[in-house]
PDB file of N, CA and C in Angstrom:
ATOM      1  N   MET A   1      52.232 120.260  81.529  1.00  0.00           N
ATOM      2  CA  MET A   1      51.248 120.017  80.505  1.00  0.00           C
ATOM      3  C   MET A   1      51.749 119.001  79.492  1.00  0.00           C
ATOM      4  N   LYS A   2      53.006 118.858  79.368  1.00  0.00           N
ATOM      5  CA  LYS A   2      53.524 117.924  78.394  1.00  0.00           C
ATOM      6  C   LYS A   2      53.227 116.487  78.802  1.00  0.00           C
ATOM      7  N   TYR A   3      53.279 116.191  80.079  1.00  0.00           N
ATOM      8  CA  TYR A   3      53.072 114.821  80.532  1.00  0.00           C
ATOM      9  C   TYR A   3      51.651 114.320  80.310  1.00  0.00           C
ATOM     10  N   PRO A   4      50.640 115.135  80.593  1.00  0.00           N
ATOM     11  CA  PRO A   4      49.273 114.624  80.345  1.00  0.00           C
ATOM     12  C   PRO A   4      49.032 114.350  78.853  1.00  0.00           C
ATOM     13  N   VAL A   5      49.555 115.192  77.994  1.00  0.00           N
ATOM     14  CA  VAL A   5      49.368 114.977  76.554  1.00  0.00           C
ATOM     15  C   VAL A   5      50.126 113.726  76.135  1.00  0.00           C
ATOM     16  N   LEU A   6      51.325 113.577  76.627  1.00  0.00           N
ATOM     17  CA  LEU A   6      52.134 112.407  76.328  1.00  0.00           C
ATOM     18  C   LEU A   6      51.453 111.142  76.854  1.00  0.00           C
ATOM     19  N   ALA A   7      50.918 111.227  78.041  1.00  0.00           N
ATOM     20  CA  ALA A   7      50.223 110.080  78.633  1.00  0.00           C
ATOM     21  C   ALA A   7      48.994 109.730  77.815  1.00  0.00           C
ATOM     22  N   LEU A   8      48.274 110.738  77.360  1.00  0.00           N
ATOM     23  CA  LEU A   8      47.078 110.516  76.540  1.00  0.00           C
ATOM     24  C   LEU A   8      47.453 109.873  75.213  1.00  0.00           C
ATOM     25  N   LEU A   9      48.520 110.340  74.565  1.00  0.00           N
ATOM     26  CA  LEU A   9      48.974 109.749  73.301  1.00  0.00           C
ATOM     27  C   LEU A   9      49.443 108.304  73.509  1.00  0.00           C
ATOM     28  N   THR A  10      50.126 108.051  74.610  1.00  0.00           N
ATOM     29  CA  THR A  10      50.591 106.695  74.920  1.00  0.00           C
ATOM     30  C   THR A  10      49.400 105.776  75.139  1.00  0.00           C
ATOM     31  N   PHE A  11      48.419 106.234  75.857  1.00  0.00           N
ATOM     32  CA  PHE A  11      47.208 105.443  76.096  1.00  0.00           C
ATOM     33  C   PHE A  11      46.486 105.147  74.783  1.00  0.00           C
ATOM     34  N   ALA A  12      46.368 106.149  73.913  1.00  0.00           N
ATOM     35  CA  ALA A  12      45.703 105.971  72.615  1.00  0.00           C
ATOM     36  C   ALA A  12      46.464 104.967  71.756  1.00  0.00           C
ATOM     37  N   ALA A  13      47.797 105.072  71.773  1.00  0.00           N
ATOM     38  CA  ALA A  13      48.622 104.146  70.993  1.00  0.00           C
ATOM     39  C   ALA A  13      48.469 102.725  71.529  1.00  0.00           C
ATOM     40  N   THR A  14      48.421 102.581  72.827  1.00  0.00           N
ATOM     41  CA  THR A  14      48.257 101.261  73.445  1.00  0.00           C
ATOM     42  C   THR A  14      46.910 100.658  73.069  1.00  0.00           C
ATOM     43  N   CYS A  15      45.871 101.462  73.110  1.00  0.00           N
ATOM     44  CA  CYS A  15      44.532 100.985  72.720  1.00  0.00           C
ATOM     45  C   CYS A  15      44.520 100.585  71.247  1.00  0.00           C
ATOM     46  N   PHE A  16      45.160 101.401  70.432  1.00  0.00           N
ATOM     47  CA  PHE A  16      45.198 101.124  68.989  1.00  0.00           C
ATOM     48  C   PHE A  16      45.922  99.811  68.704  1.00  0.00           C
ATOM     49  N   VAL A  17      47.063  99.627  69.352  1.00  0.00           N
ATOM     50  CA  VAL A  17      47.836  98.401  69.164  1.00  0.00           C
ATOM     51  C   VAL A  17      47.051  97.216  69.709  1.00  0.00           C
ATOM     52  N   GLY A  18      46.421  97.380  70.857  1.00  0.00           N
ATOM     53  CA  GLY A  18      45.624  96.310  71.455  1.00  0.00           C
ATOM     54  C   GLY A  18      44.470  95.915  70.548  1.00  0.00           C
ATOM     55  N   CYS A  19      43.822  96.897  69.955  1.00  0.00           N
ATOM     56  CA  CYS A  19      42.709  96.622  69.047  1.00  0.00           C
ATOM     57  C   CYS A  19      43.206  95.890  67.807  1.00  0.00           C
ATOM     58  N   ASN A  20      44.345  96.311  67.277  1.00  0.00           N
ATOM     59  CA  ASN A  20      44.902  95.639  66.099  1.00  0.00           C
ATOM     60  C   ASN A  20      45.251  94.189  66.403  1.00  0.00           C
ATOM     61  N   GLU A  21      45.789  93.953  67.617  1.00  0.00           N
ATOM     62  CA  GLU A  21      46.110  92.582  67.994  1.00  0.00           C
ATOM     63  C   GLU A  21      44.839  91.746  68.118  1.00  0.00           C
ATOM     64  N   GLN A  22      43.803  92.322  68.685  1.00  0.00           N
ATOM     65  CA  GLN A  22      42.535  91.602  68.803  1.00  0.00           C
ATOM     66  C   GLN A  22      41.945  91.311  67.416  1.00  0.00           C
ATOM     67  N   LYS A  23      42.013  92.306  66.540  1.00  0.00           N
ATOM     68  CA  LYS A  23      41.498  92.114  65.187  1.00  0.00           C
ATOM     69  C   LYS A  23      42.302  91.044  64.457  1.00  0.00           C
ATOM     70  N   ALA A  24      43.609  91.066  64.648  1.00  0.00           N
ATOM     71  CA  ALA A  24      44.469  90.053  64.015  1.00  0.00           C
ATOM     72  C   ALA A  24      44.127  88.668  64.551  1.00  0.00           C
ATOM     73  N   ALA A  25      43.882  88.575  65.856  1.00  0.00           N
ATOM     74  CA  ALA A  25      43.514  87.290  66.450  1.00  0.00           C
ATOM     75  C   ALA A  25      42.171  86.813  65.889  1.00  0.00           C
ATOM     76  N   ILE A  26      41.236  87.736  65.740  1.00  0.00           N
ATOM     77  CA  ILE A  26      39.922  87.384  65.172  1.00  0.00           C
ATOM     78  C   ILE A  26      40.084  86.920  63.722  1.00  0.00           C
ATOM     79  N   ASP A  27      40.899  87.627  62.953  1.00  0.00           N
ATOM     80  CA  ASP A  27      41.149  87.231  61.560  1.00  0.00           C
ATOM     81  C   ASP A  27      41.811  85.860  61.484  1.00  0.00           C
ATOM     82  N   ASP A  28      42.766  85.606  62.378  1.00  0.00           N
ATOM     83  CA  ASP A  28      43.429  84.301  62.402  1.00  0.00           C
ATOM     84  C   ASP A  28      42.433  83.186  62.732  1.00  0.00           C
ATOM     85  N   GLN A  29      41.559  83.454  63.690  1.00  0.00           N
ATOM     86  CA  GLN A  29      40.559  82.454  64.064  1.00  0.00           C
ATOM     87  C   GLN A  29      39.590  82.207  62.905  1.00  0.00           C
ATOM     88  N   LYS A  30      39.197  83.289  62.213  1.00  0.00           N
ATOM     89  CA  LYS A  30      38.299  83.158  61.063  1.00  0.00           C
ATOM     90  C   LYS A  30      38.963  82.333  59.973  1.00  0.00           C
ATOM     91  N   LYS A  31      40.229  82.585  59.712  1.00  0.00           N
ATOM     92  CA  LYS A  31      40.966  81.844  58.690  1.00  0.00           C
ATOM     93  C   LYS A  31      41.078  80.373  59.058  1.00  0.00           C
ATOM     94  N   ALA A  32      41.370  80.093  60.323  1.00  0.00           N
ATOM     95  CA  ALA A  32      41.480  78.711  60.786  1.00  0.00           C
ATOM     96  C   ALA A  32      40.146  77.990  60.652  1.00  0.00           C
ATOM     97  N   THR A  33      39.055  78.673  60.967  1.00  0.00           N
ATOM     98  CA  THR A  33      37.721  78.076  60.837  1.00  0.00           C
ATOM     99  C   THR A  33      37.409  77.779  59.374  1.00  0.00           C
ATOM    100  N   LYS A  34      37.699  78.729  58.498  1.00  0.00           N
ATOM    101  CA  LYS A  34      37.453  78.522  57.067  1.00  0.00           C
ATOM    102  C   LYS A  34      38.296  77.374  56.532  1.00  0.00           C
ATOM    103  N   ASP A  35      39.560  77.303  56.940  1.00  0.00           N
ATOM    104  CA  ASP A  35      40.430  76.213  56.504  1.00  0.00           C
ATOM    105  C   ASP A  35      39.892  74.863  56.971  1.00  0.00           C
ATOM    106  N   SER A  36      39.420  74.827  58.203  1.00  0.00           N
ATOM    107  CA  SER A  36      38.851  73.595  58.751  1.00  0.00           C
ATOM    108  C   SER A  36      37.608  73.180  57.958  1.00  0.00           C
ATOM    109  N   ILE A  37      36.772  74.132  57.636  1.00  0.00           N
ATOM    110  CA  ILE A  37      35.561  73.850  56.846  1.00  0.00           C
ATOM    111  C   ILE A  37      35.946  73.377  55.450  1.00  0.00           C
ATOM    112  N   ASP A  38      36.926  74.022  54.843  1.00  0.00           N
ATOM    113  CA  ASP A  38      37.384  73.600  53.514  1.00  0.00           C
ATOM    114  C   ASP A  38      37.937  72.170  53.549  1.00  0.00           C
ATOM    115  N   ASP A  39      38.670  71.839  54.605  1.00  0.00           N
ATOM    116  CA  ASP A  39      39.201  70.484  54.749  1.00  0.00           C
ATOM    117  C   ASP A  39      38.076  69.464  54.874  1.00  0.00           C
ATOM    118  N   ARG A  40      37.042  69.808  55.655  1.00  0.00           N
ATOM    119  CA  ARG A  40      35.913  68.891  55.804  1.00  0.00           C
ATOM    120  C   ARG A  40      35.155  68.743  54.492  1.00  0.00           C
ATOM    121  N   LYS A  41      35.020  69.856  53.750  1.00  0.00           N
ATOM    122  CA  LYS A  41      34.350  69.784  52.447  1.00  0.00           C
ATOM    123  C   LYS A  41      35.117  68.872  51.496  1.00  0.00           C
ATOM    124  N   THR A  42      36.433  68.990  51.514  1.00  0.00           N
ATOM    125  CA  THR A  42      37.273  68.139  50.677  1.00  0.00           C
ATOM    126  C   THR A  42      37.100  66.672  51.070  1.00  0.00           C
ATOM    127  N   ALA A  43      37.057  66.407  52.358  1.00  0.00           N
ATOM    128  CA  ALA A  43      36.873  65.032  52.839  1.00  0.00           C
ATOM    129  C   ALA A  43      35.505  64.488  52.429  1.00  0.00           C
ATOM    130  N   VAL A  44      34.477  65.321  52.520  1.00  0.00           N
ATOM    131  CA  VAL A  44      33.134  64.898  52.122  1.00  0.00           C
ATOM    132  C   VAL A  44      33.097  64.609  50.620  1.00  0.00           C
ATOM    133  N   ASP A  45      33.721  65.467  49.831  1.00  0.00           N
ATOM    134  CA  ASP A  45      33.770  65.242  48.384  1.00  0.00           C
ATOM    135  C   ASP A  45      34.494  63.941  48.056  1.00  0.00           C
ATOM    136  N   ALA A  46      35.591  63.681  48.730  1.00  0.00           N
ATOM    137  CA  ALA A  46      36.350  62.445  48.491  1.00  0.00           C
ATOM    138  C   ALA A  46      35.533  61.228  48.891  1.00  0.00           C
ATOM    139  N   ALA A  47      34.829  61.318  50.011  1.00  0.00           N
ATOM    140  CA  ALA A  47      33.994  60.197  50.458  1.00  0.00           C
ATOM    141  C   ALA A  47      32.854  59.950  49.473  1.00  0.00           C
ATOM    142  N   ALA A  48      32.255  61.017  48.958  1.00  0.00           N
ATOM    143  CA  ALA A  48      31.175  60.868  47.982  1.00  0.00           C
ATOM    144  C   ALA A  48      31.691  60.237  46.694  1.00  0.00           C
ATOM    145  N   LYS A  49      32.882  60.646  46.273  1.00  0.00           N
ATOM    146  CA  LYS A  49      33.476  60.083  45.063  1.00  0.00           C
ATOM    147  C   LYS A  49      33.746  58.590  45.246  1.00  0.00           C
ATOM    148  N   ASP A  50      34.286  58.235  46.410  1.00  0.00           N
ATOM    149  CA  ASP A  50      34.541  56.821  46.700  1.00  0.00           C
ATOM    150  C   ASP A  50      33.237  56.027  46.755  1.00  0.00           C
ATOM    151  N   ALA A  51      32.214  56.609  47.347  1.00  0.00           N
ATOM    152  CA  ALA A  51      30.915  55.927  47.436  1.00  0.00           C
ATOM    153  C   ALA A  51      30.322  55.706  46.045  1.00  0.00           C
ATOM    154  N   LYS A  52      30.468  56.700  45.169  1.00  0.00           N
ATOM    155  CA  LYS A  52      29.969  56.554  43.798  1.00  0.00           C
ATOM    156  C   LYS A  52      30.708  55.448  43.069  1.00  0.00           C
ATOM    157  N   LYS A  53      32.029  55.405  43.229  1.00  0.00           N
ATOM    158  CA  LYS A  53      32.823  54.345  42.595  1.00  0.00           C
ATOM    159  C   LYS A  53      32.383  52.980  43.096  1.00  0.00           C
ATOM    160  N   GLN A  54      32.197  52.864  44.418  1.00  0.00           N
ATOM    161  CA  GLN A  54      31.784  51.584  44.991  1.00  0.00           C
ATOM    162  C   GLN A  54      30.406  51.190  44.494  1.00  0.00           C
ATOM    163  N   THR A  55      29.521  52.154  44.355  1.00  0.00           N
ATOM    164  CA  THR A  55      28.184  51.875  43.837  1.00  0.00           C
ATOM    165  C   THR A  55      28.251  51.383  42.403  1.00  0.00           C
ATOM    166  N   GLU A  56      29.108  51.988  41.600  1.00  0.00           N
ATOM    167  CA  GLU A  56      29.274  51.543  40.212  1.00  0.00           C
ATOM    168  C   GLU A  56      29.832  50.126  40.166  1.00  0.00           C
ATOM    169  N   ILE A  57      30.787  49.831  41.046  1.00  0.00           N
ATOM    170  CA  ILE A  57      31.363  48.484  41.105  1.00  0.00           C
ATOM    171  C   ILE A  57      30.288  47.475  41.515  1.00  0.00           C
ATOM    172  N   ASP A  58      29.519  47.841  42.543  1.00  0.00           N
ATOM    173  CA  ASP A  58      28.450  46.947  43.000  1.00  0.00           C
ATOM    174  C   ASP A  58      27.421  46.711  41.908  1.00  0.00           C
ATOM    175  N   ALA A  59      27.076  47.766  41.190  1.00  0.00           N
ATOM    176  CA  ALA A  59      26.100  47.636  40.105  1.00  0.00           C
ATOM    177  C   ALA A  59      26.645  46.726  39.002  1.00  0.00           C
ATOM    178  N   ALA A  60      27.921  46.863  38.676  1.00  0.00           N
ATOM    179  CA  ALA A  60      28.537  46.016  37.655  1.00  0.00           C
ATOM    180  C   ALA A  60      28.535  44.555  38.099  1.00  0.00           C
ATOM    181  N   LEU A  61      28.820  44.319  39.378  1.00  0.00           N
ATOM    182  CA  LEU A  61      28.794  42.952  39.905  1.00  0.00           C
ATOM    183  C   LEU A  61      27.377  42.376  39.860  1.00  0.00           C
ATOM    184  N   ASP A  62      26.403  43.175  40.262  1.00  0.00           N
ATOM    185  CA  ASP A  62      25.015  42.716  40.220  1.00  0.00           C
ATOM    186  C   ASP A  62      24.601  42.387  38.791  1.00  0.00           C
ATOM    187  N   LYS A  63      24.986  43.224  37.856  1.00  0.00           N
ATOM    188  CA  LYS A  63      24.649  42.991  36.443  1.00  0.00           C
ATOM    189  C   LYS A  63      25.304  41.697  35.954  1.00  0.00           C
ATOM    190  N   ALA A  64      26.566  41.491  36.325  1.00  0.00           N
ATOM    191  CA  ALA A  64      27.276  40.275  35.917  1.00  0.00           C
ATOM    192  C   ALA A  64      26.606  39.034  36.509  1.00  0.00           C
ATOM    193  N   LYS A  65      26.180  39.123  37.770  1.00  0.00           N
ATOM    194  CA  LYS A  65      25.478  37.994  38.391  1.00  0.00           C
ATOM    195  C   LYS A  65      24.164  37.697  37.674  1.00  0.00           C
ATOM    196  N   ILE A  66      23.428  38.743  37.322  1.00  0.00           N
ATOM    197  CA  ILE A  66      22.160  38.566  36.610  1.00  0.00           C
ATOM    198  C   ILE A  66      22.410  37.942  35.244  1.00  0.00           C
ATOM    199  N   ASP A  67      23.429  38.444  34.541  1.00  0.00           N
ATOM    200  CA  ASP A  67      23.756  37.887  33.218  1.00  0.00           C
ATOM    201  C   ASP A  67      24.156  36.416  33.326  1.00  0.00           C
ATOM    202  N   ALA A  68      24.948  36.078  34.334  1.00  0.00           N
ATOM    203  CA  ALA A  68      25.385  34.693  34.525  1.00  0.00           C
ATOM    204  C   ALA A  68      24.201  33.796  34.856  1.00  0.00           C
ATOM    205  N   LYS A  69      23.321  34.274  35.713  1.00  0.00           N
ATOM    206  CA  LYS A  69      22.134  33.492  36.085  1.00  0.00           C
ATOM    207  C   LYS A  69      21.232  33.294  34.871  1.00  0.00           C
ATOM    208  N   THR A  70      21.080  34.333  34.070  1.00  0.00           N
ATOM    209  CA  THR A  70      20.263  34.239  32.850  1.00  0.00           C
ATOM    210  C   THR A  70      20.867  33.226  31.890  1.00  0.00           C
ATOM    211  N   ALA A  71      22.179  33.284  31.700  1.00  0.00           N
ATOM    212  CA  ALA A  71      22.852  32.347  30.790  1.00  0.00           C
ATOM    213  C   ALA A  71      22.708  30.918  31.292  1.00  0.00           C
ATOM    214  N   ALA A  72      22.849  30.705  32.591  1.00  0.00           N
ATOM    215  CA  ALA A  72      22.724  29.361  33.158  1.00  0.00           C
ATOM    216  C   ALA A  72      21.294  28.842  32.999  1.00  0.00           C
ATOM    217  N   THR A  73      20.324  29.685  33.244  1.00  0.00           N
ATOM    218  CA  THR A  73      18.921  29.280  33.106  1.00  0.00           C
ATOM    219  C   THR A  73      18.597  28.953  31.656  1.00  0.00           C
ATOM    220  N   GLN A  74      19.086  29.780  30.747  1.00  0.00           N
ATOM    221  CA  GLN A  74      18.848  29.517  29.329  1.00  0.00           C
ATOM    222  C   GLN A  74      19.519  28.216  28.883  1.00  0.00           C
ATOM    223  N   ALA A  75      20.706  27.955  29.365  1.00  0.00           N
ATOM    224  CA  ALA A  75      21.405  26.709  29.036  1.00  0.00           C
ATOM    225  C   ALA A  75      20.628  25.511  29.577  1.00  0.00           C
ATOM    226  N   GLN A  76      20.103  25.642  30.782  1.00  0.00           N
ATOM    227  CA  GLN A  76      19.312  24.558  31.360  1.00  0.00           C
ATOM    228  C   GLN A  76      18.040  24.332  30.552  1.00  0.00           C
ATOM    229  N   LEU A  77      17.394  25.413  30.146  1.00  0.00           N
ATOM    230  CA  LEU A  77      16.173  25.275  29.336  1.00  0.00           C
ATOM    231  C   LEU A  77      16.483  24.653  27.978  1.00  0.00           C
ATOM    232  N   ASP A  78      17.620  25.033  27.386  1.00  0.00           N
ATOM    233  CA  ASP A  78      18.021  24.423  26.111  1.00  0.00           C
ATOM    234  C   ASP A  78      18.273  22.922  26.289  1.00  0.00           C
ATOM    235  N   ALA A  79      18.890  22.558  27.404  1.00  0.00           N
ATOM    236  CA  ALA A  79      19.140  21.138  27.677  1.00  0.00           C
ATOM    237  C   ALA A  79      17.828  20.388  27.856  1.00  0.00           C
ATOM    238  N   GLU A  80      16.883  20.996  28.570  1.00  0.00           N
ATOM    239  CA  GLU A  80      15.562  20.361  28.754  1.00  0.00           C
ATOM    240  C   GLU A  80      14.838  20.208  27.415  1.00  0.00           C
ATOM    241  N   LYS A  81      15.019  21.206  26.564  1.00  0.00           N
ATOM    242  CA  LYS A  81      14.411  21.153  25.222  1.00  0.00           C
ATOM    243  C   LYS A  81      15.001  19.979  24.426  1.00  0.00           C
ATOM    244  N   LYS A  82      16.313  19.843  24.447  1.00  0.00           N
ATOM    245  CA  LYS A  82      16.968  18.738  23.746  1.00  0.00           C
ATOM    246  C   LYS A  82      16.547  17.396  24.342  1.00  0.00           C
ATOM    247  N   LYS A  83      16.396  17.348  25.654  1.00  0.00           N
ATOM    248  CA  LYS A  83      15.947  16.120  26.317  1.00  0.00           C
ATOM    249  C   LYS A  83      14.538  15.768  25.861  1.00  0.00           C
ATOM    250  N   ALA A  84      13.685  16.788  25.767  1.00  0.00           N
ATOM    251  CA  ALA A  84      12.311  16.542  25.303  1.00  0.00           C
ATOM    252  C   ALA A  84      12.321  16.049  23.856  1.00  0.00           C
ATOM    253  N   ASP A  85      13.177  16.622  23.010  1.00  0.00           N
ATOM    254  CA  ASP A  85      13.294  16.165  21.612  1.00  0.00           C
ATOM    255  C   ASP A  85      13.782  14.720  21.573  1.00  0.00           C
ATOM    256  N   ALA A  86      14.770  14.383  22.391  1.00  0.00           N
ATOM    257  CA  ALA A  86      15.312  13.029  22.435  1.00  0.00           C
ATOM    258  C   ALA A  86      14.258  12.054  22.950  1.00  0.00           C
ATOM    259  N   GLN A  87      13.504  12.452  23.939  1.00  0.00           N
ATOM    260  CA  GLN A  87      12.438  11.603  24.489  1.00  0.00           C
ATOM    261  C   GLN A  87      11.379  11.334  23.430  1.00  0.00           C
ATOM    262  N   ALA A  88      11.017  12.396  22.687  1.00  0.00           N
ATOM    263  CA  ALA A  88      10.026  12.218  21.624  1.00  0.00           C
ATOM    264  C   ALA A  88      10.563  11.302  20.534  1.00  0.00           C
ATOM    265  N   ALA A  89      11.816  11.434  20.160  1.00  0.00           N
ATOM    266  CA  ALA A  89      12.424  10.560  19.152  1.00  0.00           C
ATOM    267  C   ALA A  89      12.441   9.115  19.639  1.00  0.00           C
ATOM    268  N   LEU A  90      12.720   8.914  20.917  1.00  0.00           N
ATOM    269  CA  LEU A  90      12.709   7.570  21.493  1.00  0.00           C
ATOM    270  C   LEU A  90      11.318   6.961  21.431  1.00  0.00           C
ATOM    271  N   GLU A  91      10.323   7.747  21.792  1.00  0.00           N
ATOM    272  CA  GLU A  91       8.939   7.258  21.755  1.00  0.00           C
ATOM    273  C   GLU A  91       8.538   6.896  20.330  1.00  0.00           C
ATOM    274  N   LYS A  92       8.928   7.736  19.380  1.00  0.00           N
ATOM    275  CA  LYS A  92       8.615   7.457  17.962  1.00  0.00           C
ATOM    276  C   LYS A  92       9.307   6.157  17.522  1.00  0.00           C
ATOM    277  N   ALA A  93      10.546   5.973  17.932  1.00  0.00           N
ATOM    278  CA  ALA A  93      11.300   4.770  17.563  1.00  0.00           C
ATOM    279  C   ALA A  93      10.646   3.521  18.161  1.00  0.00           C
ATOM    280  N   LYS A  94      10.131   3.645  19.396  1.00  0.00           N
ATOM    281  CA  LYS A  94       9.434   2.531  20.036  1.00  0.00           C
ATOM    282  C   LYS A  94       8.190   2.143  19.240  1.00  0.00           C
ATOM    283  N   VAL A  95       7.458   3.196  18.854  1.00  0.00           N
ATOM    284  CA  VAL A  95       6.230   2.972  18.093  1.00  0.00           C
ATOM    285  C   VAL A  95       6.548   2.293  16.764  1.00  0.00           C
ATOM    286  N   ASP A  96       7.605   2.788  16.095  1.00  0.00           N
ATOM    287  CA  ASP A  96       8.002   2.204  14.815  1.00  0.00           C
ATOM    288  C   ASP A  96       8.470   0.759  15.010  1.00  0.00           C
ATOM    289  N   ALA A  97       9.157   0.481  16.098  1.00  0.00           N
ATOM    290  CA  ALA A  97       9.662  -0.870  16.361  1.00  0.00           C
ATOM    291  C   ALA A  97       8.512  -1.830  16.653  1.00  0.00           C
ATOM    292  N   GLU A  98       7.484  -1.368  17.296  1.00  0.00           N
ATOM    293  CA  GLU A  98       6.342  -2.212  17.627  1.00  0.00           C
ATOM    294  C   GLU A  98       5.530  -2.544  16.371  1.00  0.00           C
ATOM    295  N   LYS A  99       5.507  -1.666  15.415  1.00  0.00           N
ATOM    296  CA  LYS A  99       4.745  -1.893  14.167  1.00  0.00           C
ATOM    297  C   LYS A  99       5.419  -2.934  13.298  1.00  0.00           C
ATOM    298  N   LYS A 100       6.688  -3.091  13.374  1.00  0.00           N
ATOM    299  CA  LYS A 100       7.416  -4.006  12.495  1.00  0.00           C
ATOM    300  C   LYS A 100       7.408  -5.349  13.068  1.00  0.00           C
TER     301      LYS A 100
END
């Protein structure tokens, strides 16, 4: 009678240890999956941060180009204005010269 009880206890212990090993393997796999997801989340956050920085840089460049184009256009218009003033002064001088 001792052997069947001993065999039953050994079988129960083996099942218990086997179940614990399976549970440990499942926990390890769950941890590895979570770590992998956390790593991907970190990578996505870093990529988003880099994209935001690049967008800010691009926006600053676009603004600088617009400001430069505006300044150049205004300078050209000022030059045309001065040319028109000079042309009018020349015409007036011609008229005055013809009267004398």
